[in-house]
Amino acid sequence: MPKAIKIENCGKIKAEIHRYLSGSQDARFIGRLQIAMLACRGIPIATIATLFRIAPTTVQRWLHRLNDQGIEGLKDTPGRGRKSSLTKQERQILGQDLKKSPQASGYTRHKWTGRLLSEHLEKRFGIALKERQCQNLLKSILDPKPG
């Protein structure tokens, strides 16, 4: 039997693989194919979900799509997900606002927060978003994913 090889920096390697698999459409499709293979081998959904760091209901949904639509059902389809409340133009304007301090927009705070962004969006664009959504929006605008 071959000797086991210990992977150095395993946590870092796993995080990089996860980032790659979640960032590329092709990689996500390949990951779903791997999930299907594991399910075909009888691996429990909960185990698969843990291995891929996703919710068991997501695994179930993909396996149902596989059964209903075949392999093509595992591919991403356009138009999935919630549509943005902001138009492209509003998002660009917001990006410019966020590059400045909140004080430049008339606020007393020194740093943009989810709560402050929620207030700003309501005043600037008439868009109501909850604090957590605004935290995610802040992150996506100030620290966008490559790709």
C-alpha atoms as a PDB file:
ATOM      1  CA  MET A   1       0.000   0.000   0.000  1.00  0.00           C
ATOM      2  CA  PRO A   2       1.382   3.428  -0.918  1.00  0.00           C
ATOM      3  CA  LYS A   3       2.485   5.653   1.903  1.00  0.00           C
ATOM      4  CA  ALA A   4       0.071   8.489   2.787  1.00  0.00           C
ATOM      5  CA  ILE A   5       1.221  11.947   1.785  1.00  0.00           C
ATOM      6  CA  LYS A   6       0.573  14.744   4.212  1.00  0.00           C
ATOM      7  CA  ILE A   7      -0.552  17.965   2.554  1.00  0.00           C
ATOM      8  CA  GLU A   8       1.201  20.978   4.036  1.00  0.00           C
ATOM      9  CA  ASN A   9      -0.959  24.017   4.789  1.00  0.00           C
ATOM     10  CA  CYS A  10      -4.074  21.920   4.264  1.00  0.00           C
ATOM     11  CA  GLY A  11      -6.414  24.613   5.573  1.00  0.00           C
ATOM     12  CA  LYS A  12      -4.988  27.179   3.177  1.00  0.00           C
ATOM     13  CA  ILE A  13      -5.138  24.725   0.258  1.00  0.00           C
ATOM     14  CA  LYS A  14      -8.768  23.841   1.028  1.00  0.00           C
ATOM     15  CA  ALA A  15      -9.702  27.517   1.218  1.00  0.00           C
ATOM     16  CA  GLU A  16      -8.048  28.205  -2.151  1.00  0.00           C
ATOM     17  CA  ILE A  17      -9.811  25.246  -3.764  1.00  0.00           C
ATOM     18  CA  HIS A  18     -13.140  26.392  -2.327  1.00  0.00           C
ATOM     19  CA  ARG A  19     -12.528  29.927  -3.617  1.00  0.00           C
ATOM     20  CA  TYR A  20     -11.729  28.568  -7.077  1.00  0.00           C
ATOM     21  CA  LEU A  21     -14.738  26.245  -7.141  1.00  0.00           C
ATOM     22  CA  SER A  22     -17.109  29.008  -6.083  1.00  0.00           C
ATOM     23  CA  GLY A  23     -15.630  31.634  -8.401  1.00  0.00           C
ATOM     24  CA  SER A  24     -15.690  29.988 -11.824  1.00  0.00           C
ATOM     25  CA  GLN A  25     -18.761  28.737 -13.670  1.00  0.00           C
ATOM     26  CA  ASP A  26     -16.810  25.798 -15.081  1.00  0.00           C
ATOM     27  CA  ALA A  27     -15.380  24.961 -11.682  1.00  0.00           C
ATOM     28  CA  ARG A  28     -18.826  25.128 -10.071  1.00  0.00           C
ATOM     29  CA  PHE A  29     -20.155  22.761 -12.739  1.00  0.00           C
ATOM     30  CA  ILE A  30     -17.261  20.348 -12.149  1.00  0.00           C
ATOM     31  CA  GLY A  31     -17.917  20.536  -8.403  1.00  0.00           C
ATOM     32  CA  ARG A  32     -21.558  19.617  -9.015  1.00  0.00           C
ATOM     33  CA  LEU A  33     -20.453  16.708 -11.179  1.00  0.00           C
ATOM     34  CA  GLN A  34     -18.258  15.535  -8.304  1.00  0.00           C
ATOM     35  CA  ILE A  35     -21.230  15.832  -5.971  1.00  0.00           C
ATOM     36  CA  ALA A  36     -23.300  13.701  -8.358  1.00  0.00           C
ATOM     37  CA  MET A  37     -20.530  11.079  -8.484  1.00  0.00           C
ATOM     38  CA  LEU A  38     -20.401  10.905  -4.693  1.00  0.00           C
ATOM     39  CA  ALA A  39     -24.182  10.581  -4.526  1.00  0.00           C
ATOM     40  CA  CYS A  40     -24.021   7.776  -7.105  1.00  0.00           C
ATOM     41  CA  ARG A  41     -21.560   5.995  -4.817  1.00  0.00           C
ATOM     42  CA  GLY A  42     -24.082   6.188  -1.992  1.00  0.00           C
ATOM     43  CA  ILE A  43     -22.341   8.860   0.063  1.00  0.00           C
ATOM     44  CA  PRO A  44     -24.937  10.522   2.335  1.00  0.00           C
ATOM     45  CA  ILE A  45     -26.070  14.019   1.389  1.00  0.00           C
ATOM     46  CA  ALA A  46     -24.999  15.381   4.774  1.00  0.00           C
ATOM     47  CA  THR A  47     -21.459  14.072   4.230  1.00  0.00           C
ATOM     48  CA  ILE A  48     -21.302  15.532   0.718  1.00  0.00           C
ATOM     49  CA  ALA A  49     -22.549  18.871   2.001  1.00  0.00           C
ATOM     50  CA  THR A  50     -19.878  18.913   4.698  1.00  0.00           C
ATOM     51  CA  LEU A  51     -17.135  18.024   2.204  1.00  0.00           C
ATOM     52  CA  PHE A  52     -18.151  20.832  -0.146  1.00  0.00           C
ATOM     53  CA  ARG A  53     -19.030  23.298   2.618  1.00  0.00           C
ATOM     54  CA  ILE A  54     -22.569  23.818   1.346  1.00  0.00           C
ATOM     55  CA  ALA A  55     -26.033  23.268   2.770  1.00  0.00           C
ATOM     56  CA  PRO A  56     -27.549  19.774   2.432  1.00  0.00           C
ATOM     57  CA  THR A  57     -30.614  21.352   0.804  1.00  0.00           C
ATOM     58  CA  THR A  58     -28.344  22.715  -1.941  1.00  0.00           C
ATOM     59  CA  VAL A  59     -27.038  19.204  -2.608  1.00  0.00           C
ATOM     60  CA  GLN A  60     -30.626  17.930  -2.711  1.00  0.00           C
ATOM     61  CA  ARG A  61     -31.660  20.677  -5.123  1.00  0.00           C
ATOM     62  CA  TRP A  62     -28.780  19.857  -7.496  1.00  0.00           C
ATOM     63  CA  LEU A  63     -29.527  16.144  -7.372  1.00  0.00           C
ATOM     64  CA  HIS A  64     -33.191  16.833  -8.166  1.00  0.00           C
ATOM     65  CA  ARG A  65     -32.085  18.993 -11.105  1.00  0.00           C
ATOM     66  CA  LEU A  66     -29.818  16.155 -12.231  1.00  0.00           C
ATOM     67  CA  ASN A  67     -32.718  13.695 -12.117  1.00  0.00           C
ATOM     68  CA  ASP A  68     -35.080  16.086 -13.897  1.00  0.00           C
ATOM     69  CA  GLN A  69     -32.765  17.580 -16.525  1.00  0.00           C
ATOM     70  CA  GLY A  70     -29.750  15.290 -16.745  1.00  0.00           C
ATOM     71  CA  ILE A  71     -26.182  16.613 -16.622  1.00  0.00           C
ATOM     72  CA  GLU A  72     -27.263  19.926 -18.187  1.00  0.00           C
ATOM     73  CA  GLY A  73     -29.319  20.586 -15.053  1.00  0.00           C
ATOM     74  CA  LEU A  74     -26.092  20.995 -13.085  1.00  0.00           C
ATOM     75  CA  LYS A  75     -24.926  23.933 -15.182  1.00  0.00           C
ATOM     76  CA  ASP A  76     -25.577  27.508 -14.121  1.00  0.00           C
ATOM     77  CA  THR A  77     -28.418  29.119 -15.991  1.00  0.00           C
ATOM     78  CA  PRO A  78     -28.675  32.839 -16.647  1.00  0.00           C
ATOM     79  CA  GLY A  79     -31.063  34.869 -14.558  1.00  0.00           C
ATOM     80  CA  ARG A  80     -30.734  32.830 -11.383  1.00  0.00           C
ATOM     81  CA  GLY A  81     -30.640  34.699  -8.116  1.00  0.00           C
ATOM     82  CA  ARG A  82     -32.159  37.880  -6.855  1.00  0.00           C
ATOM     83  CA  LYS A  83     -31.940  40.917  -9.080  1.00  0.00           C
ATOM     84  CA  SER A  84     -30.043  43.890  -7.717  1.00  0.00           C
ATOM     85  CA  SER A  85     -32.038  46.774  -6.289  1.00  0.00           C
ATOM     86  CA  LEU A  86     -29.463  49.137  -7.781  1.00  0.00           C
ATOM     87  CA  THR A  87     -29.084  49.885 -11.462  1.00  0.00           C
ATOM     88  CA  LYS A  88     -25.573  49.825 -12.944  1.00  0.00           C
ATOM     89  CA  GLN A  89     -25.521  53.618 -12.906  1.00  0.00           C
ATOM     90  CA  GLU A  90     -26.647  53.776  -9.262  1.00  0.00           C
ATOM     91  CA  ARG A  91     -24.012  51.207  -8.329  1.00  0.00           C
ATOM     92  CA  GLN A  92     -21.321  53.325 -10.001  1.00  0.00           C
ATOM     93  CA  ILE A  93     -22.507  56.434  -8.187  1.00  0.00           C
ATOM     94  CA  LEU A  94     -22.593  54.495  -4.923  1.00  0.00           C
ATOM     95  CA  GLY A  95     -19.045  53.237  -5.570  1.00  0.00           C
ATOM     96  CA  GLN A  96     -17.908  56.850  -5.923  1.00  0.00           C
ATOM     97  CA  ASP A  97     -19.730  57.777  -2.704  1.00  0.00           C
ATOM     98  CA  LEU A  98     -18.111  54.899  -0.808  1.00  0.00           C
ATOM     99  CA  LYS A  99     -14.616  55.873  -1.933  1.00  0.00           C
ATOM    100  CA  LYS A 100     -15.104  59.092   0.024  1.00  0.00           C
ATOM    101  CA  SER A 101     -15.598  59.311   3.751  1.00  0.00           C
ATOM    102  CA  PRO A 102     -19.189  59.362   5.010  1.00  0.00           C
ATOM    103  CA  GLN A 103     -18.542  62.933   6.148  1.00  0.00           C
ATOM    104  CA  ALA A 104     -18.230  63.976   2.483  1.00  0.00           C
ATOM    105  CA  SER A 105     -21.859  62.866   2.085  1.00  0.00           C
ATOM    106  CA  GLY A 106     -22.995  64.853   5.125  1.00  0.00           C
ATOM    107  CA  TYR A 107     -22.815  62.173   7.841  1.00  0.00           C
ATOM    108  CA  THR A 108     -21.028  62.467  11.175  1.00  0.00           C
ATOM    109  CA  ARG A 109     -19.614  58.917  11.092  1.00  0.00           C
ATOM    110  CA  HIS A 110     -16.006  58.358  10.037  1.00  0.00           C
ATOM    111  CA  LYS A 111     -16.480  54.901   8.510  1.00  0.00           C
ATOM    112  CA  TRP A 112     -19.099  53.280   6.275  1.00  0.00           C
ATOM    113  CA  THR A 113     -21.145  50.611   8.051  1.00  0.00           C
ATOM    114  CA  GLY A 114     -24.101  48.532   6.974  1.00  0.00           C
ATOM    115  CA  ARG A 115     -26.460  50.674   9.014  1.00  0.00           C
ATOM    116  CA  LEU A 116     -25.066  53.920   7.606  1.00  0.00           C
ATOM    117  CA  LEU A 117     -25.153  52.588   4.044  1.00  0.00           C
ATOM    118  CA  SER A 118     -28.789  51.580   4.551  1.00  0.00           C
ATOM    119  CA  GLU A 119     -29.592  55.149   5.552  1.00  0.00           C
ATOM    120  CA  HIS A 120     -27.560  56.523   2.628  1.00  0.00           C
ATOM    121  CA  LEU A 121     -29.300  54.315   0.054  1.00  0.00           C
ATOM    122  CA  GLU A 122     -32.702  55.423   1.329  1.00  0.00           C
ATOM    123  CA  LYS A 123     -31.784  59.115   1.119  1.00  0.00           C
ATOM    124  CA  ARG A 124     -29.800  58.971  -2.137  1.00  0.00           C
ATOM    125  CA  PHE A 125     -31.800  56.490  -4.222  1.00  0.00           C
ATOM    126  CA  GLY A 126     -35.001  55.799  -2.285  1.00  0.00           C
ATOM    127  CA  ILE A 127     -33.937  52.148  -1.901  1.00  0.00           C
ATOM    128  CA  ALA A 128     -34.592  50.352   1.372  1.00  0.00           C
ATOM    129  CA  LEU A 129     -32.124  47.581   2.202  1.00  0.00           C
ATOM    130  CA  LYS A 130     -31.551  45.919   5.550  1.00  0.00           C
ATOM    131  CA  GLU A 131     -28.282  46.346   7.413  1.00  0.00           C
ATOM    132  CA  ARG A 132     -26.949  42.874   6.550  1.00  0.00           C
ATOM    133  CA  GLN A 133     -27.650  43.365   2.842  1.00  0.00           C
ATOM    134  CA  CYS A 134     -25.785  46.656   3.049  1.00  0.00           C
ATOM    135  CA  GLN A 135     -22.826  44.976   4.740  1.00  0.00           C
ATOM    136  CA  ASN A 136     -22.654  42.533   1.831  1.00  0.00           C
ATOM    137  CA  LEU A 137     -23.012  45.378  -0.652  1.00  0.00           C
ATOM    138  CA  LEU A 138     -20.206  47.310   1.059  1.00  0.00           C
ATOM    139  CA  LYS A 139     -17.933  44.288   0.821  1.00  0.00           C
ATOM    140  CA  SER A 140     -18.772  43.641  -2.829  1.00  0.00           C
ATOM    141  CA  ILE A 141     -18.126  47.240  -3.847  1.00  0.00           C
ATOM    142  CA  LEU A 142     -15.054  47.944  -1.722  1.00  0.00           C
ATOM    143  CA  ASP A 143     -13.459  44.494  -2.077  1.00  0.00           C
ATOM    144  CA  PRO A 144     -14.800  42.957  -5.303  1.00  0.00           C
ATOM    145  CA  LYS A 145     -13.945  39.374  -6.276  1.00  0.00           C
ATOM    146  CA  PRO A 146     -11.670  39.039  -9.272  1.00  0.00           C
ATOM    147  CA  GLY A 147     -13.163  37.447 -12.342  1.00  0.00           C
END
